[in-house]
N, C-alpha and C. Protein backbone atom coordinates (compact mmCIF):
# COMPACT_ATOMS: atom_id res chain seq x y z
N GLU A 1 -78.35 98.87 168.75
CA GLU A 1 -77.21 99.28 169.56
C GLU A 1 -77.63 100.36 170.57
N ASN A 2 -78.33 101.38 170.10
CA ASN A 2 -78.80 102.44 170.98
C ASN A 2 -79.85 101.92 171.96
N GLU A 3 -80.69 100.99 171.51
CA GLU A 3 -81.71 100.41 172.38
C GLU A 3 -81.09 99.61 173.51
N ILE A 4 -80.01 98.91 173.24
CA ILE A 4 -79.32 98.14 174.27
C ILE A 4 -78.77 99.09 175.33
N LEU A 5 -78.14 100.17 174.89
CA LEU A 5 -77.59 101.16 175.83
C LEU A 5 -78.71 101.79 176.65
N ASN A 6 -79.82 102.14 176.02
CA ASN A 6 -80.95 102.72 176.75
C ASN A 6 -81.50 101.75 177.79
N GLU A 7 -81.55 100.47 177.46
CA GLU A 7 -82.04 99.45 178.40
C GLU A 7 -81.09 99.33 179.60
N ILE A 8 -79.80 99.36 179.35
CA ILE A 8 -78.82 99.31 180.44
C ILE A 8 -78.97 100.51 181.35
N ILE A 9 -79.09 101.69 180.76
CA ILE A 9 -79.21 102.92 181.55
C ILE A 9 -80.48 102.90 182.38
N ARG A 10 -81.58 102.41 181.84
CA ARG A 10 -82.84 102.35 182.59
C ARG A 10 -82.73 101.46 183.84
N LYS A 11 -81.83 100.50 183.82
CA LYS A 11 -81.67 99.59 184.96
C LYS A 11 -80.66 100.08 185.99
N CYS A 12 -79.96 101.17 185.68
CA CYS A 12 -78.92 101.69 186.57
C CYS A 12 -79.52 102.50 187.72
N LYS A 13 -78.79 102.53 188.82
CA LYS A 13 -79.15 103.42 189.92
C LYS A 13 -78.32 104.70 189.85
N TYR A 14 -77.13 104.58 189.28
CA TYR A 14 -76.21 105.71 189.15
C TYR A 14 -75.67 105.77 187.72
N LEU A 15 -75.40 106.98 187.28
CA LEU A 15 -74.76 107.18 185.98
C LEU A 15 -73.68 108.23 186.18
N ILE A 16 -72.45 107.88 185.86
CA ILE A 16 -71.31 108.79 186.00
C ILE A 16 -70.94 109.29 184.61
N LEU A 17 -70.98 110.61 184.42
CA LEU A 17 -70.72 111.20 183.11
C LEU A 17 -69.62 112.25 183.18
N ASN A 18 -68.78 112.28 182.16
CA ASN A 18 -67.79 113.35 182.00
C ASN A 18 -68.52 114.54 181.41
N SER A 19 -68.75 115.56 182.21
CA SER A 19 -69.52 116.72 181.75
C SER A 19 -68.75 117.61 180.79
N ASP A 20 -67.45 117.43 180.68
CA ASP A 20 -66.67 118.22 179.73
C ASP A 20 -66.87 117.75 178.29
N LEU A 21 -67.38 116.53 178.12
CA LEU A 21 -67.60 116.00 176.77
C LEU A 21 -68.89 116.51 176.14
N LYS A 22 -69.77 117.08 176.95
CA LYS A 22 -71.02 117.67 176.47
C LYS A 22 -71.85 116.68 175.65
N VAL A 23 -71.96 115.46 176.14
CA VAL A 23 -72.79 114.45 175.49
C VAL A 23 -74.05 114.18 176.30
N TYR A 24 -74.32 115.04 177.25
CA TYR A 24 -75.48 114.89 178.12
C TYR A 24 -76.75 114.93 177.28
N ASP A 25 -77.63 114.00 177.50
CA ASP A 25 -78.87 113.88 176.76
C ASP A 25 -80.03 114.20 177.69
N ASN A 26 -80.91 115.10 177.27
CA ASN A 26 -82.04 115.49 178.12
C ASN A 26 -82.95 114.32 178.45
N LYS A 27 -82.89 113.23 177.69
CA LYS A 27 -83.70 112.05 177.99
C LYS A 27 -83.33 111.47 179.35
N LEU A 28 -82.13 111.73 179.80
CA LEU A 28 -81.70 111.20 181.09
C LEU A 28 -82.44 111.86 182.25
N ASP A 29 -82.98 113.05 182.02
CA ASP A 29 -83.70 113.76 183.08
C ASP A 29 -84.94 113.00 183.55
N ASN A 30 -85.52 112.21 182.68
CA ASN A 30 -86.76 111.52 183.00
C ASN A 30 -86.54 110.17 183.67
N LEU A 31 -85.29 109.77 183.81
CA LEU A 31 -85.01 108.47 184.42
C LEU A 31 -84.86 108.61 185.92
N ASN A 32 -85.14 107.55 186.63
CA ASN A 32 -85.04 107.55 188.08
C ASN A 32 -83.64 107.05 188.49
N ILE A 33 -82.62 107.82 188.11
CA ILE A 33 -81.24 107.48 188.45
C ILE A 33 -80.54 108.73 188.96
N GLN A 34 -79.50 108.51 189.72
CA GLN A 34 -78.69 109.63 190.20
C GLN A 34 -77.54 109.84 189.22
N ILE A 35 -77.50 111.02 188.61
CA ILE A 35 -76.45 111.35 187.65
C ILE A 35 -75.37 112.11 188.39
N ILE A 36 -74.15 111.58 188.31
CA ILE A 36 -72.98 112.23 188.92
C ILE A 36 -72.06 112.63 187.79
N THR A 37 -71.80 113.91 187.69
CA THR A 37 -70.93 114.40 186.63
C THR A 37 -69.56 114.74 187.20
N TYR A 38 -68.55 114.65 186.35
CA TYR A 38 -67.21 115.05 186.75
C TYR A 38 -66.59 115.82 185.59
N GLY A 39 -65.64 116.70 185.94
CA GLY A 39 -64.97 117.48 184.90
C GLY A 39 -64.40 118.76 185.47
N PHE A 40 -63.88 119.58 184.57
CA PHE A 40 -63.23 120.82 184.97
C PHE A 40 -64.15 122.02 184.87
N ASN A 41 -65.44 121.82 184.94
CA ASN A 41 -66.36 122.96 184.87
C ASN A 41 -67.09 123.12 186.19
N GLN A 42 -67.63 124.31 186.40
CA GLN A 42 -68.23 124.65 187.69
C GLN A 42 -69.52 123.90 187.98
N LYS A 43 -70.17 123.35 186.96
CA LYS A 43 -71.44 122.65 187.17
C LYS A 43 -71.26 121.17 187.48
N ALA A 44 -70.06 120.64 187.34
CA ALA A 44 -69.82 119.22 187.59
C ALA A 44 -70.02 118.89 189.07
N THR A 45 -70.56 117.72 189.34
CA THR A 45 -70.71 117.26 190.72
C THR A 45 -69.33 117.10 191.36
N ILE A 46 -68.39 116.53 190.59
CA ILE A 46 -67.03 116.32 191.07
C ILE A 46 -66.08 117.05 190.14
N THR A 47 -65.23 117.87 190.72
CA THR A 47 -64.24 118.62 189.95
C THR A 47 -62.95 118.66 190.76
N THR A 48 -62.02 119.49 190.35
CA THR A 48 -60.78 119.63 191.11
C THR A 48 -60.71 121.04 191.69
N SER A 49 -60.16 121.15 192.89
CA SER A 49 -59.90 122.48 193.42
C SER A 49 -58.45 122.87 193.20
N SER A 50 -57.60 121.87 192.96
CA SER A 50 -56.22 122.17 192.55
C SER A 50 -55.58 120.91 191.95
N VAL A 51 -54.72 121.16 190.99
CA VAL A 51 -53.93 120.09 190.38
C VAL A 51 -52.49 120.57 190.37
N GLU A 52 -51.65 119.82 191.06
CA GLU A 52 -50.23 120.14 191.13
C GLU A 52 -49.44 118.98 190.54
N GLU A 53 -48.16 119.15 190.48
CA GLU A 53 -47.30 118.11 189.89
C GLU A 53 -47.38 116.78 190.64
N ASP A 54 -47.55 116.86 191.97
CA ASP A 54 -47.53 115.64 192.77
C ASP A 54 -48.80 115.40 193.58
N LYS A 55 -49.83 116.25 193.36
CA LYS A 55 -51.05 116.12 194.15
C LYS A 55 -52.24 116.70 193.39
N ILE A 56 -53.38 116.06 193.55
CA ILE A 56 -54.63 116.59 193.01
C ILE A 56 -55.63 116.64 194.16
N VAL A 57 -56.38 117.72 194.23
CA VAL A 57 -57.43 117.84 195.24
C VAL A 57 -58.76 117.78 194.49
N VAL A 58 -59.50 116.71 194.73
CA VAL A 58 -60.79 116.50 194.08
C VAL A 58 -61.87 117.06 195.00
N PHE A 59 -62.82 117.77 194.40
CA PHE A 59 -63.85 118.46 195.17
C PHE A 59 -65.23 117.94 194.80
N LEU A 60 -65.95 117.38 195.78
CA LEU A 60 -67.35 117.01 195.63
C LEU A 60 -68.16 118.27 195.91
N GLN A 61 -68.75 118.85 194.88
CA GLN A 61 -69.42 120.15 195.01
C GLN A 61 -70.85 120.06 195.55
N ARG A 62 -71.50 118.92 195.32
CA ARG A 62 -72.87 118.73 195.78
C ARG A 62 -72.97 117.39 196.48
N SER A 63 -73.81 117.32 197.48
CA SER A 63 -73.97 116.04 198.18
C SER A 63 -74.63 115.03 197.25
N ILE A 64 -74.29 113.78 197.48
CA ILE A 64 -74.89 112.67 196.74
C ILE A 64 -75.37 111.63 197.75
N VAL A 65 -76.21 110.73 197.32
CA VAL A 65 -76.65 109.64 198.17
C VAL A 65 -75.96 108.38 197.67
N ASN A 66 -75.22 107.72 198.57
CA ASN A 66 -74.48 106.53 198.15
C ASN A 66 -75.40 105.30 198.15
N MET A 67 -74.86 104.15 197.79
CA MET A 67 -75.68 102.94 197.68
C MET A 67 -76.21 102.45 199.03
N TYR A 68 -75.67 102.99 200.12
CA TYR A 68 -76.14 102.64 201.46
C TYR A 68 -77.19 103.64 201.96
N LYS A 69 -77.65 104.50 201.04
CA LYS A 69 -78.65 105.52 201.33
C LYS A 69 -78.14 106.56 202.31
N GLN A 70 -76.81 106.74 202.36
CA GLN A 70 -76.20 107.76 203.21
C GLN A 70 -75.89 108.99 202.35
N TYR A 71 -76.09 110.16 202.95
CA TYR A 71 -75.71 111.39 202.25
C TYR A 71 -74.20 111.56 202.36
N VAL A 72 -73.56 111.80 201.26
CA VAL A 72 -72.14 112.14 201.23
C VAL A 72 -72.09 113.63 200.95
N GLU A 73 -71.65 114.38 201.94
CA GLU A 73 -71.67 115.84 201.85
C GLU A 73 -70.45 116.37 201.08
N GLN A 74 -70.51 117.65 200.75
CA GLN A 74 -69.39 118.30 200.07
C GLN A 74 -68.10 118.01 200.80
N MET A 75 -67.04 117.76 200.02
CA MET A 75 -65.74 117.50 200.64
C MET A 75 -64.64 117.65 199.60
N GLU A 76 -63.44 117.76 200.09
CA GLU A 76 -62.25 117.73 199.26
C GLU A 76 -61.44 116.50 199.64
N ILE A 77 -60.89 115.84 198.63
CA ILE A 77 -60.06 114.66 198.84
C ILE A 77 -58.73 114.90 198.15
N SER A 78 -57.66 114.85 198.91
CA SER A 78 -56.32 115.08 198.38
C SER A 78 -55.69 113.73 198.02
N ILE A 79 -55.14 113.65 196.81
CA ILE A 79 -54.56 112.41 196.33
C ILE A 79 -53.17 112.69 195.77
N ASP A 80 -52.19 111.91 196.23
CA ASP A 80 -50.84 112.01 195.67
C ASP A 80 -50.83 111.37 194.29
N ILE A 81 -50.20 112.03 193.34
CA ILE A 81 -50.15 111.53 191.96
C ILE A 81 -48.73 111.61 191.43
N ASP A 82 -48.52 111.01 190.25
CA ASP A 82 -47.27 111.21 189.54
C ASP A 82 -47.59 111.87 188.20
N LYS A 83 -46.58 112.14 187.40
CA LYS A 83 -46.77 112.91 186.17
C LYS A 83 -47.61 112.18 185.12
N ASN A 84 -47.78 110.88 185.24
CA ASN A 84 -48.54 110.10 184.27
C ASN A 84 -50.01 109.91 184.67
N THR A 85 -50.41 110.48 185.78
CA THR A 85 -51.78 110.29 186.27
C THR A 85 -52.76 111.06 185.40
N GLU A 86 -53.82 110.38 184.99
CA GLU A 86 -54.88 110.98 184.20
C GLU A 86 -55.92 111.58 185.15
N THR A 87 -56.06 112.90 185.12
CA THR A 87 -56.93 113.60 186.06
C THR A 87 -58.39 113.16 185.93
N TYR A 88 -58.87 112.98 184.72
CA TYR A 88 -60.26 112.53 184.55
C TYR A 88 -60.47 111.16 185.20
N ALA A 89 -59.49 110.27 185.08
CA ALA A 89 -59.61 108.95 185.69
C ALA A 89 -59.68 109.05 187.21
N VAL A 90 -58.95 109.99 187.78
CA VAL A 90 -58.99 110.20 189.23
C VAL A 90 -60.38 110.66 189.65
N MET A 91 -60.94 111.64 188.92
CA MET A 91 -62.28 112.14 189.28
C MET A 91 -63.33 111.05 189.13
N GLU A 92 -63.24 110.25 188.08
CA GLU A 92 -64.18 109.17 187.87
C GLU A 92 -64.05 108.10 188.96
N SER A 93 -62.82 107.80 189.35
CA SER A 93 -62.59 106.83 190.42
C SER A 93 -63.15 107.31 191.75
N ILE A 94 -62.99 108.58 192.03
CA ILE A 94 -63.55 109.16 193.26
C ILE A 94 -65.07 109.04 193.24
N ALA A 95 -65.69 109.27 192.10
CA ALA A 95 -67.15 109.12 192.00
C ALA A 95 -67.57 107.70 192.37
N ILE A 96 -66.86 106.72 191.86
CA ILE A 96 -67.17 105.32 192.16
C ILE A 96 -66.97 105.04 193.65
N LEU A 97 -65.89 105.52 194.21
CA LEU A 97 -65.63 105.31 195.64
C LEU A 97 -66.71 105.95 196.50
N LEU A 98 -67.14 107.15 196.13
CA LEU A 98 -68.17 107.83 196.92
C LEU A 98 -69.50 107.07 196.89
N ILE A 99 -69.78 106.39 195.80
CA ILE A 99 -71.02 105.62 195.68
C ILE A 99 -70.93 104.32 196.48
N TYR A 100 -69.79 103.62 196.37
CA TYR A 100 -69.71 102.25 196.90
C TYR A 100 -69.03 102.10 198.25
N CYS A 101 -68.35 103.10 198.74
CA CYS A 101 -67.70 102.98 200.05
C CYS A 101 -68.64 103.48 201.14
N LYS A 102 -68.68 102.76 202.21
CA LYS A 102 -69.60 103.08 203.30
C LYS A 102 -69.09 104.25 204.16
N HIS A 103 -67.78 104.37 204.30
CA HIS A 103 -67.22 105.40 205.17
C HIS A 103 -66.14 106.18 204.43
N ILE A 104 -66.52 107.32 203.90
CA ILE A 104 -65.58 108.22 203.23
C ILE A 104 -65.51 109.49 204.07
N LYS A 105 -64.30 109.91 204.35
CA LYS A 105 -64.11 111.14 205.12
C LYS A 105 -63.42 112.18 204.27
N ASN A 106 -63.62 113.42 204.67
CA ASN A 106 -62.89 114.52 204.08
C ASN A 106 -61.44 114.35 204.54
N VAL A 107 -60.56 114.03 203.62
CA VAL A 107 -59.19 113.74 204.01
C VAL A 107 -58.24 114.88 203.69
N TYR A 108 -58.78 116.02 203.35
CA TYR A 108 -57.93 117.13 203.00
C TYR A 108 -57.51 117.88 204.23
């Protein structure tokens, strides 16, 4: 089971991790993949700069290289939400968008 997961990770170009779960494994440092972390801590690649009842502002703290080999620079993205929105899911979704979308702008 662990070997299958390790094989999958070795073939990845990107790995998105919730840094608040503290399951980061130092073995990942030796892989040739871009690790993008998200969470409510200052070291996460993607975090929030504010969470309100009807809006969340997601903050990309460090530049990343997307799948088109473009640098995506620090930015804030404002998203309208409702009371049932899961903040971690929003941060994870933004990570995916930043990797796979060719044209992302700072929309804040």
